[in-house]
């Protein structure tokens, strides 16, 4: 547009909240000639710098890990001893009360206060959807704010009281529409069909995210036998969630071992498969890490925790899922996949060997699951590339 804008990006201090979407958008805005600063915790500064962007480290930010470690100190909700005992054993979803209290009232207000203390007034604030400090600061500054939607299934429409409590803390008038924080501009990275009807907004734009840097597939995986290929990965938090001898991974390996498939199971970045003392199967390749986006297009099914990034990547590739959600919004993502007909899901407490065997077999054998996943894939291919977002964001100022 010819005018250099001062753009402030805000993200919770977590890899999945910052790296897959926020940093690519930041780089595109920088390449268009704008001044881009990314605000989050000091711990993420190196990651931001390695992407060629300028970090704004905010002091004393809280994260969900902080709240979980000492919920009484911060007044966090949802981190009960009962829930702690269920971690990695039962599926634990997020309620509107827990989401609003923790993400808006505790994390968001502190983020907003630190932002107002540390940042100069920008022309535009762009926040990831679960980070509310950027919203409060933008409202206080009187500048437009845009949302990059990294979590479409979070209960944004049910947290009005917490949003208004935060607004009062910043001296802002209350609002009546719970979707007001997203009304200026919401950028989705999955087709509109993925969103429940009540979460579809007139302000929404949808884009196709590029696969990122081309990763070369591990030659050992490339040379595996030519049978239906099933990938299993439970996300970067799986080692912490599942402990030293995770029964869920053992169940997955045992099930794949009983099926006429080639299985690839990612144990987690800090688990060496050579040290794995659990179940093994001749037709199942164990690895610490898998090049997920590279491998998914070659897969026939994906066993996943249904974090949004993994769910999106699978549907982008037209691959049906078997969801094993563990916590947060994962159960809602898994339920949405089932509603779309693009897979099946089990709560982890129900993921016995017979139940998981039946689910994986059905997804492999019944063509309707792949057809539904490919339907989302086709709609994805019709979306404009993420690079188009620069022009759309410029028009907000």
Protein backbone atom coordinates (compact mmCIF):
# COMPACT_ATOMS: atom_id res chain seq x y z
CA UNK A 1 0.00 0.00 0.00
CA UNK A 2 3.07 2.25 0.02
CA UNK A 3 2.80 3.24 3.70
CA UNK A 4 5.08 1.56 6.23
CA UNK A 5 2.97 0.32 9.13
CA UNK A 6 4.11 -0.39 12.66
CA UNK A 7 2.64 -3.81 13.35
CA UNK A 8 2.66 -5.58 16.71
CA UNK A 9 2.13 -9.34 16.81
CA UNK A 10 1.22 -10.98 20.13
CA UNK A 11 1.28 -14.67 21.03
CA UNK A 12 1.16 -16.86 24.10
CA UNK A 13 4.64 -18.18 24.97
CA UNK A 14 4.21 -21.62 23.40
CA UNK A 15 5.63 -23.09 20.20
CA UNK A 16 2.27 -24.11 18.74
CA UNK A 17 0.81 -20.65 19.41
CA UNK A 18 3.71 -18.79 17.81
CA UNK A 19 5.60 -20.73 15.17
CA UNK A 20 3.18 -22.41 12.72
CA UNK A 21 1.13 -19.30 11.85
CA UNK A 22 2.26 -16.12 13.62
CA UNK A 23 5.85 -16.15 12.40
CA UNK A 24 5.03 -16.84 8.72
CA UNK A 25 2.57 -13.93 8.75
CA UNK A 26 5.16 -11.75 10.47
CA UNK A 27 7.74 -12.57 7.80
CA UNK A 28 5.32 -11.75 5.00
CA UNK A 29 4.49 -8.39 6.57
CA UNK A 30 8.19 -7.67 7.02
CA UNK A 31 8.90 -8.59 3.40
CA UNK A 32 6.15 -6.15 2.37
CA UNK A 33 8.14 -3.37 4.01
CA UNK A 34 6.37 -3.03 7.34
CA UNK A 35 7.96 -2.69 10.78
CA UNK A 36 7.07 -5.88 12.64
CA UNK A 37 7.62 -6.61 16.32
CA UNK A 38 6.57 -9.87 18.00
CA UNK A 39 5.63 -9.67 21.68
CA UNK A 40 5.75 -12.73 23.91
CA UNK A 41 8.01 -14.08 26.65
CA UNK A 42 11.80 -13.85 26.81
CA UNK A 43 11.99 -17.63 26.37
CA UNK A 44 10.71 -17.34 22.79
CA UNK A 45 13.03 -14.49 21.73
CA UNK A 46 15.55 -16.79 20.04
CA UNK A 47 12.84 -18.50 18.02
CA UNK A 48 11.57 -15.13 16.82
CA UNK A 49 15.06 -13.90 15.93
CA UNK A 50 15.79 -17.10 14.00
CA UNK A 51 12.76 -16.28 11.86
CA UNK A 52 14.32 -12.92 11.03
CA UNK A 53 11.88 -10.91 13.16
CA UNK A 54 12.28 -8.53 16.09
CA UNK A 55 11.14 -9.84 19.48
CA UNK A 56 9.63 -7.74 22.23
CA UNK A 57 10.24 -9.81 25.38
CA UNK A 58 7.63 -9.00 28.00
CA UNK A 59 8.65 -9.41 31.65
CA UNK A 60 6.88 -11.73 34.08
CA UNK A 61 4.48 -13.24 31.58
CA UNK A 62 2.54 -16.25 32.72
CA UNK A 63 2.00 -19.41 30.70
CA UNK A 64 -0.35 -22.35 31.10
CA UNK A 65 2.61 -24.27 32.52
CA UNK A 66 2.91 -21.66 35.29
CA UNK A 67 -0.78 -21.94 36.11
CA UNK A 68 -0.62 -25.73 36.17
CA UNK A 69 2.47 -25.73 38.39
CA UNK A 70 0.97 -23.44 41.06
CA UNK A 71 -2.76 -22.91 40.49
CA UNK A 72 -3.42 -21.71 44.04
CA UNK A 73 -0.87 -18.91 43.74
CA UNK A 74 -2.46 -17.49 40.60
CA UNK A 75 -6.08 -18.37 41.26
CA UNK A 76 -6.21 -20.62 38.21
CA UNK A 77 -9.10 -22.99 37.67
CA UNK A 78 -9.27 -26.51 36.27
CA UNK A 79 -5.98 -27.71 37.75
CA UNK A 80 -7.44 -29.92 40.47
CA UNK A 81 -5.65 -32.93 41.98
CA UNK A 82 -8.36 -35.05 40.39
CA UNK A 83 -7.55 -33.69 36.93
CA UNK A 84 -3.82 -34.06 37.57
CA UNK A 85 -4.37 -37.74 38.34
CA UNK A 86 -6.29 -38.14 35.07
CA UNK A 87 -3.54 -36.61 32.92
CA UNK A 88 -2.55 -38.98 30.17
CA UNK A 89 -5.12 -41.52 31.38
CA UNK A 90 -8.44 -39.82 30.64
CA UNK A 91 -9.47 -37.20 28.12
CA UNK A 92 -9.89 -33.80 29.80
CA UNK A 93 -11.58 -31.08 27.78
CA UNK A 94 -11.74 -27.36 28.44
CA UNK A 95 -14.92 -25.68 29.67
CA UNK A 96 -15.81 -22.04 28.95
CA UNK A 97 -15.27 -21.26 32.63
CA UNK A 98 -11.74 -22.69 32.60
CA UNK A 99 -10.87 -21.07 29.27
CA UNK A 100 -12.21 -17.67 30.27
CA UNK A 101 -10.68 -17.62 33.72
CA UNK A 102 -7.24 -18.78 32.63
CA UNK A 103 -6.72 -17.39 29.13
CA UNK A 104 -8.64 -14.12 29.45
CA UNK A 105 -8.59 -13.13 33.12
CA UNK A 106 -5.19 -14.43 34.24
CA UNK A 107 -2.94 -14.73 31.19
CA UNK A 108 -4.58 -12.09 29.02
CA UNK A 109 -4.79 -9.24 31.50
CA UNK A 110 -1.19 -9.63 32.64
CA UNK A 111 -0.05 -9.80 29.01
CA UNK A 112 -2.00 -6.64 28.22
CA UNK A 113 -0.56 -4.75 31.18
CA UNK A 114 3.01 -5.69 30.25
CA UNK A 115 2.32 -4.75 26.65
CA UNK A 116 1.09 -1.27 27.55
CA UNK A 117 4.16 -0.78 29.75
CA UNK A 118 6.69 -2.03 27.17
CA UNK A 119 5.41 -1.32 23.66
CA UNK A 120 4.97 1.86 21.68
CA UNK A 121 1.52 2.44 20.20
CA UNK A 122 1.41 0.55 16.88
CA UNK A 123 -0.76 1.08 13.83
CA UNK A 124 -2.14 -2.45 14.01
CA UNK A 125 -2.17 -5.31 16.52
CA UNK A 126 -2.34 -8.89 15.28
CA UNK A 127 -2.86 -11.54 17.95
CA UNK A 128 -3.27 -15.28 17.94
CA UNK A 129 -6.79 -16.14 18.99
CA UNK A 130 -6.08 -17.38 22.53
CA UNK A 131 -3.93 -14.36 23.45
CA UNK A 132 -6.21 -11.62 24.81
CA UNK A 133 -3.60 -9.13 26.04
CA UNK A 134 -3.16 -7.80 22.51
CA UNK A 135 -6.91 -7.27 22.30
CA UNK A 136 -7.07 -5.31 25.56
CA UNK A 137 -4.04 -3.20 24.61
CA UNK A 138 -5.40 -2.44 21.12
CA UNK A 139 -8.72 -1.34 22.61
CA UNK A 140 -6.86 0.89 25.08
CA UNK A 141 -4.65 2.36 22.34
CA UNK A 142 -7.62 2.80 20.01
CA UNK A 143 -6.01 0.89 17.13
CA UNK A 144 -7.48 -1.94 15.03
CA UNK A 145 -6.73 -5.52 15.99
CA UNK A 146 -6.81 -8.66 13.87
CA UNK A 147 -6.93 -12.29 14.96
CA UNK A 148 -5.03 -15.26 13.53
CA UNK A 149 -7.21 -18.21 14.49
CA UNK A 150 -5.01 -21.00 15.82
CA UNK A 151 -7.87 -22.61 17.76
CA UNK A 152 -11.24 -22.52 15.98
CA UNK A 153 -12.96 -24.77 18.51
CA UNK A 154 -12.18 -22.74 21.65
CA UNK A 155 -15.33 -21.39 23.38
CA UNK A 156 -14.93 -17.75 22.34
CA UNK A 157 -18.69 -17.22 22.20
CA UNK A 158 -19.18 -18.23 25.85
CA UNK A 159 -16.71 -16.03 27.75
CA UNK A 160 -18.38 -12.62 27.64
CA UNK A 161 -18.29 -12.12 31.42
CA UNK A 162 -14.54 -12.72 31.57
CA UNK A 163 -13.89 -10.43 28.60
CA UNK A 164 -15.91 -7.67 30.25
CA UNK A 165 -14.09 -8.21 33.55
CA UNK A 166 -10.83 -7.73 31.65
CA UNK A 167 -12.14 -4.65 29.89
CA UNK A 168 -13.14 -3.13 33.23
CA UNK A 169 -9.61 -3.70 34.50
CA UNK A 170 -8.30 -1.63 31.56
CA UNK A 171 -10.90 1.10 31.98
CA UNK A 172 -12.88 0.02 28.92
CA UNK A 173 -16.67 0.00 28.58
CA UNK A 174 -18.43 -3.38 28.58
CA UNK A 175 -19.53 -5.04 25.35
CA UNK A 176 -22.64 -7.09 24.59
CA UNK A 177 -21.40 -9.32 21.76
CA UNK A 178 -18.98 -12.08 22.84
CA UNK A 179 -17.56 -12.15 19.30
CA UNK A 180 -16.64 -8.44 19.35
CA UNK A 181 -12.92 -9.21 19.93
CA UNK A 182 -12.88 -10.90 16.50
CA UNK A 183 -15.22 -8.59 14.58
CA UNK A 184 -12.56 -6.44 12.93
CA UNK A 185 -10.77 -9.30 11.20
CA UNK A 186 -10.40 -13.04 11.82
CA UNK A 187 -8.03 -15.04 9.66
CA UNK A 188 -8.84 -18.73 9.53
CA UNK A 189 -6.47 -21.30 8.07
CA UNK A 190 -8.99 -24.03 7.42
CA UNK A 191 -12.13 -23.81 5.26
CA UNK A 192 -15.27 -22.26 6.69
CA UNK A 193 -16.96 -25.68 6.71
CA UNK A 194 -14.75 -26.70 9.65
CA UNK A 195 -16.31 -24.02 11.86
CA UNK A 196 -19.58 -24.78 13.66
CA UNK A 197 -22.42 -22.64 12.32
CA UNK A 198 -22.47 -20.35 15.36
CA UNK A 199 -18.76 -19.57 15.03
CA UNK A 200 -18.86 -18.35 11.42
CA UNK A 201 -18.29 -14.59 11.25
CA UNK A 202 -18.78 -12.00 8.52
CA UNK A 203 -15.33 -10.63 9.43
CA UNK A 204 -13.65 -13.95 8.71
CA UNK A 205 -11.22 -14.54 5.87
CA UNK A 206 -9.72 -17.93 5.17
CA UNK A 207 -6.28 -18.75 3.78
CA UNK A 208 -4.21 -21.74 2.79
CA UNK A 209 -1.01 -22.13 4.79
CA UNK A 210 2.03 -23.30 2.79
CA UNK A 211 3.70 -26.47 3.99
CA UNK A 212 6.78 -24.51 5.02
CA UNK A 213 10.35 -25.53 4.42
CA UNK A 214 10.61 -28.68 2.38
CA UNK A 215 11.72 -31.50 4.65
CA UNK A 216 13.38 -34.61 3.30
CA UNK A 217 11.67 -37.74 4.52
CA UNK A 218 13.70 -40.10 6.68
CA UNK A 219 15.06 -42.74 4.23
CA UNK A 220 14.18 -45.52 6.69
CA UNK A 221 10.52 -44.51 6.44
CA UNK A 222 10.72 -44.15 2.66
CA UNK A 223 11.97 -47.74 2.37
CA UNK A 224 9.23 -49.32 4.52
CA UNK A 225 7.07 -52.05 2.90
CA UNK A 226 4.36 -50.96 0.47
CA UNK A 227 1.21 -51.56 2.50
CA UNK A 228 -1.47 -49.12 3.64
CA UNK A 229 0.44 -46.55 5.67
CA UNK A 230 -0.79 -45.38 9.08
CA UNK A 231 1.00 -42.60 10.92
CA UNK A 232 0.55 -42.15 14.67
CA UNK A 233 1.71 -39.05 16.50
CA UNK A 234 0.32 -37.59 19.72
CA UNK A 235 1.98 -34.19 19.54
CA UNK A 236 4.87 -32.40 21.19
CA UNK A 237 3.27 -32.56 24.65
CA UNK A 238 2.80 -36.33 24.58
CA UNK A 239 5.97 -37.25 26.53
CA UNK A 240 4.99 -34.94 29.40
CA UNK A 241 1.37 -36.06 29.31
CA UNK A 242 1.98 -39.80 29.06
CA UNK A 243 4.95 -40.38 31.36
CA UNK A 244 7.83 -42.81 31.09
CA UNK A 245 5.93 -45.92 30.00
CA UNK A 246 2.89 -44.62 28.13
CA UNK A 247 0.16 -47.23 27.83
CA UNK A 248 -1.54 -45.30 25.03
CA UNK A 249 1.48 -45.57 22.74
CA UNK A 250 1.74 -49.26 23.56
CA UNK A 251 -1.91 -49.73 22.62
CA UNK A 252 -1.34 -47.97 19.29
CA UNK A 253 1.70 -50.12 18.48
CA UNK A 254 -0.13 -53.32 19.43
CA UNK A 255 -3.14 -52.40 17.28
CA UNK A 256 -1.05 -51.52 14.23
CA UNK A 257 0.87 -54.75 14.72
CA UNK A 258 -2.38 -56.69 14.29
CA UNK A 259 -3.39 -54.90 11.06
CA UNK A 260 -2.17 -55.48 7.47
CA UNK A 261 -0.52 -52.06 7.39
CA UNK A 262 2.82 -50.36 7.71
CA UNK A 263 2.77 -48.27 10.86
CA UNK A 264 4.95 -45.29 11.76
CA UNK A 265 4.72 -44.23 15.41
CA UNK A 266 6.36 -41.04 16.69
CA UNK A 267 7.25 -41.66 20.32
CA UNK A 268 8.22 -38.05 21.07
CA UNK A 269 11.29 -35.91 20.49
CA UNK A 270 13.02 -36.98 23.70
CA UNK A 271 12.34 -40.71 23.40
CA UNK A 272 14.99 -42.75 21.63
CA UNK A 273 13.30 -45.73 19.96
CA UNK A 274 16.40 -47.80 20.71
CA UNK A 275 15.59 -47.41 24.41
CA UNK A 276 11.90 -48.19 24.02
CA UNK A 277 11.06 -51.03 26.40
CA UNK A 278 7.39 -51.32 25.51
CA UNK A 279 5.51 -53.29 22.89
CA UNK A 280 7.09 -53.65 19.46
CA UNK A 281 5.72 -55.03 16.19
CA UNK A 282 7.51 -56.15 13.03
CA UNK A 283 5.40 -53.94 10.78
CA UNK A 284 5.61 -50.81 12.99
CA UNK A 285 8.50 -48.38 12.65
CA UNK A 286 9.27 -46.43 15.82
CA UNK A 287 10.87 -43.00 15.64
CA UNK A 288 11.44 -40.04 17.94
CA UNK A 289 10.28 -37.51 15.36
CA UNK A 290 8.56 -37.70 12.01
CA UNK A 291 8.39 -35.12 9.23
CA UNK A 292 4.61 -35.00 9.62
CA UNK A 293 3.64 -32.60 6.83
CA UNK A 294 5.98 -34.37 4.41
CA UNK A 295 4.68 -37.85 5.21
CA UNK A 296 0.94 -37.22 5.60
CA UNK A 297 0.11 -37.05 1.86
CA UNK A 298 1.44 -40.62 1.55
CA UNK A 299 -0.70 -41.92 4.44
CA UNK A 300 -3.97 -43.81 4.45
CA UNK A 301 -4.90 -42.82 8.01
CA UNK A 302 -3.55 -40.69 10.84
CA UNK A 303 -3.87 -41.56 14.53
CA UNK A 304 -3.64 -38.19 16.25
CA UNK A 305 -4.24 -36.30 19.49
CA UNK A 306 -6.19 -33.82 17.33
CA UNK A 307 -4.34 -30.68 18.24
CA UNK A 308 -5.47 -28.09 15.73
CA UNK A 309 -2.23 -27.97 13.74
CA UNK A 310 -2.16 -31.75 13.33
CA UNK A 311 -5.86 -31.86 12.48
CA UNK A 312 -5.44 -29.13 9.91
CA UNK A 313 -2.39 -30.78 8.33
CA UNK A 314 -4.22 -34.10 8.01
CA UNK A 315 -7.27 -32.52 6.38
CA UNK A 316 -5.04 -30.42 4.11
CA UNK A 317 -3.59 -33.75 2.92
CA UNK A 318 -7.02 -35.38 2.56
CA UNK A 319 -6.15 -38.05 5.14
CA UNK A 320 -8.86 -39.34 7.53
CA UNK A 321 -8.13 -39.36 11.25
CA UNK A 322 -8.57 -41.56 14.26
CA UNK A 323 -8.62 -39.07 17.12
CA UNK A 324 -7.27 -39.82 20.59
CA UNK A 325 -7.71 -36.40 22.22
CA UNK A 326 -6.00 -35.84 25.55
CA UNK A 327 -6.74 -32.32 26.79
CA UNK A 328 -7.68 -28.68 26.06
CA UNK A 329 -9.59 -28.17 22.78
CA UNK A 330 -8.44 -31.53 21.35
CA UNK A 331 -11.76 -33.29 22.18
CA UNK A 332 -13.63 -30.54 20.31
CA UNK A 333 -11.37 -30.86 17.26
CA UNK A 334 -11.85 -34.63 17.31
CA UNK A 335 -15.62 -34.23 17.61
CA UNK A 336 -15.66 -31.82 14.67
CA UNK A 337 -13.72 -34.31 12.53
CA UNK A 338 -16.34 -36.94 13.37
CA UNK A 339 -19.18 -34.50 12.55
CA UNK A 340 -17.59 -33.84 9.17
CA UNK A 341 -17.35 -37.59 8.51
CA UNK A 342 -13.57 -37.35 8.14
CA UNK A 343 -12.70 -39.80 10.89
CA UNK A 344 -13.53 -41.41 14.20
CA UNK A 345 -12.51 -40.60 17.76
CA UNK A 346 -12.07 -42.29 21.12
CA UNK A 347 -11.49 -40.76 24.52
CA UNK A 348 -8.19 -42.14 25.71
CA UNK A 349 -9.78 -44.01 28.63
CA UNK A 350 -11.86 -45.89 26.03
CA UNK A 351 -8.93 -46.63 23.71
CA UNK A 352 -8.58 -50.33 24.43
CA UNK A 353 -6.89 -52.57 21.90
CA UNK A 354 -10.23 -53.91 20.55
CA UNK A 355 -11.84 -50.45 20.37
CA UNK A 356 -8.88 -48.81 18.64
CA UNK A 357 -8.47 -51.79 16.30
CA UNK A 358 -12.11 -51.41 15.24
CA UNK A 359 -11.79 -47.64 14.72
CA UNK A 360 -8.61 -47.83 12.64
CA UNK A 361 -10.00 -50.72 10.59
CA UNK A 362 -13.21 -48.81 9.80
CA UNK A 363 -11.36 -45.67 8.76
CA UNK A 364 -9.11 -47.71 6.46
CA UNK A 365 -11.86 -49.87 4.98
CA UNK A 366 -14.80 -47.48 4.55
CA UNK A 367 -14.19 -45.02 1.70
CA UNK A 368 -16.57 -42.40 3.11
CA UNK A 369 -13.95 -41.23 5.62
CA UNK A 370 -11.35 -40.53 2.97
CA UNK A 371 -13.97 -38.92 0.74
CA UNK A 372 -14.96 -36.52 3.52
CA UNK A 373 -11.33 -35.67 4.31
CA UNK A 374 -10.69 -35.03 0.63
CA UNK A 375 -13.75 -32.79 0.54
CA UNK A 376 -12.09 -30.54 3.12
CA UNK A 377 -8.85 -30.82 1.14
CA UNK A 378 -10.56 -29.60 -2.04
CA UNK A 379 -12.06 -26.64 -0.21
CA UNK A 380 -8.61 -25.87 1.18
CA UNK A 381 -7.15 -25.83 -2.32
CA UNK A 382 -9.74 -23.20 -3.26
CA UNK A 383 -8.57 -20.82 -0.51
CA UNK A 384 -6.23 -17.93 -1.34
CA UNK A 385 -2.62 -18.44 -0.24
CA UNK A 386 -1.56 -17.01 3.09
CA UNK A 387 0.47 -14.35 1.26
CA UNK A 388 -2.86 -12.66 0.37
CA UNK A 389 -3.31 -11.78 4.04
CA UNK A 390 -0.84 -8.89 3.78
CA UNK A 391 -3.08 -6.90 1.44
CA UNK A 392 -6.15 -7.67 3.55
CA UNK A 393 -4.44 -6.58 6.77
CA UNK A 394 -3.15 -3.36 5.20
CA UNK A 395 -6.73 -2.38 4.43
CA UNK A 396 -7.58 -2.34 8.15
CA UNK A 397 -5.45 0.76 8.75
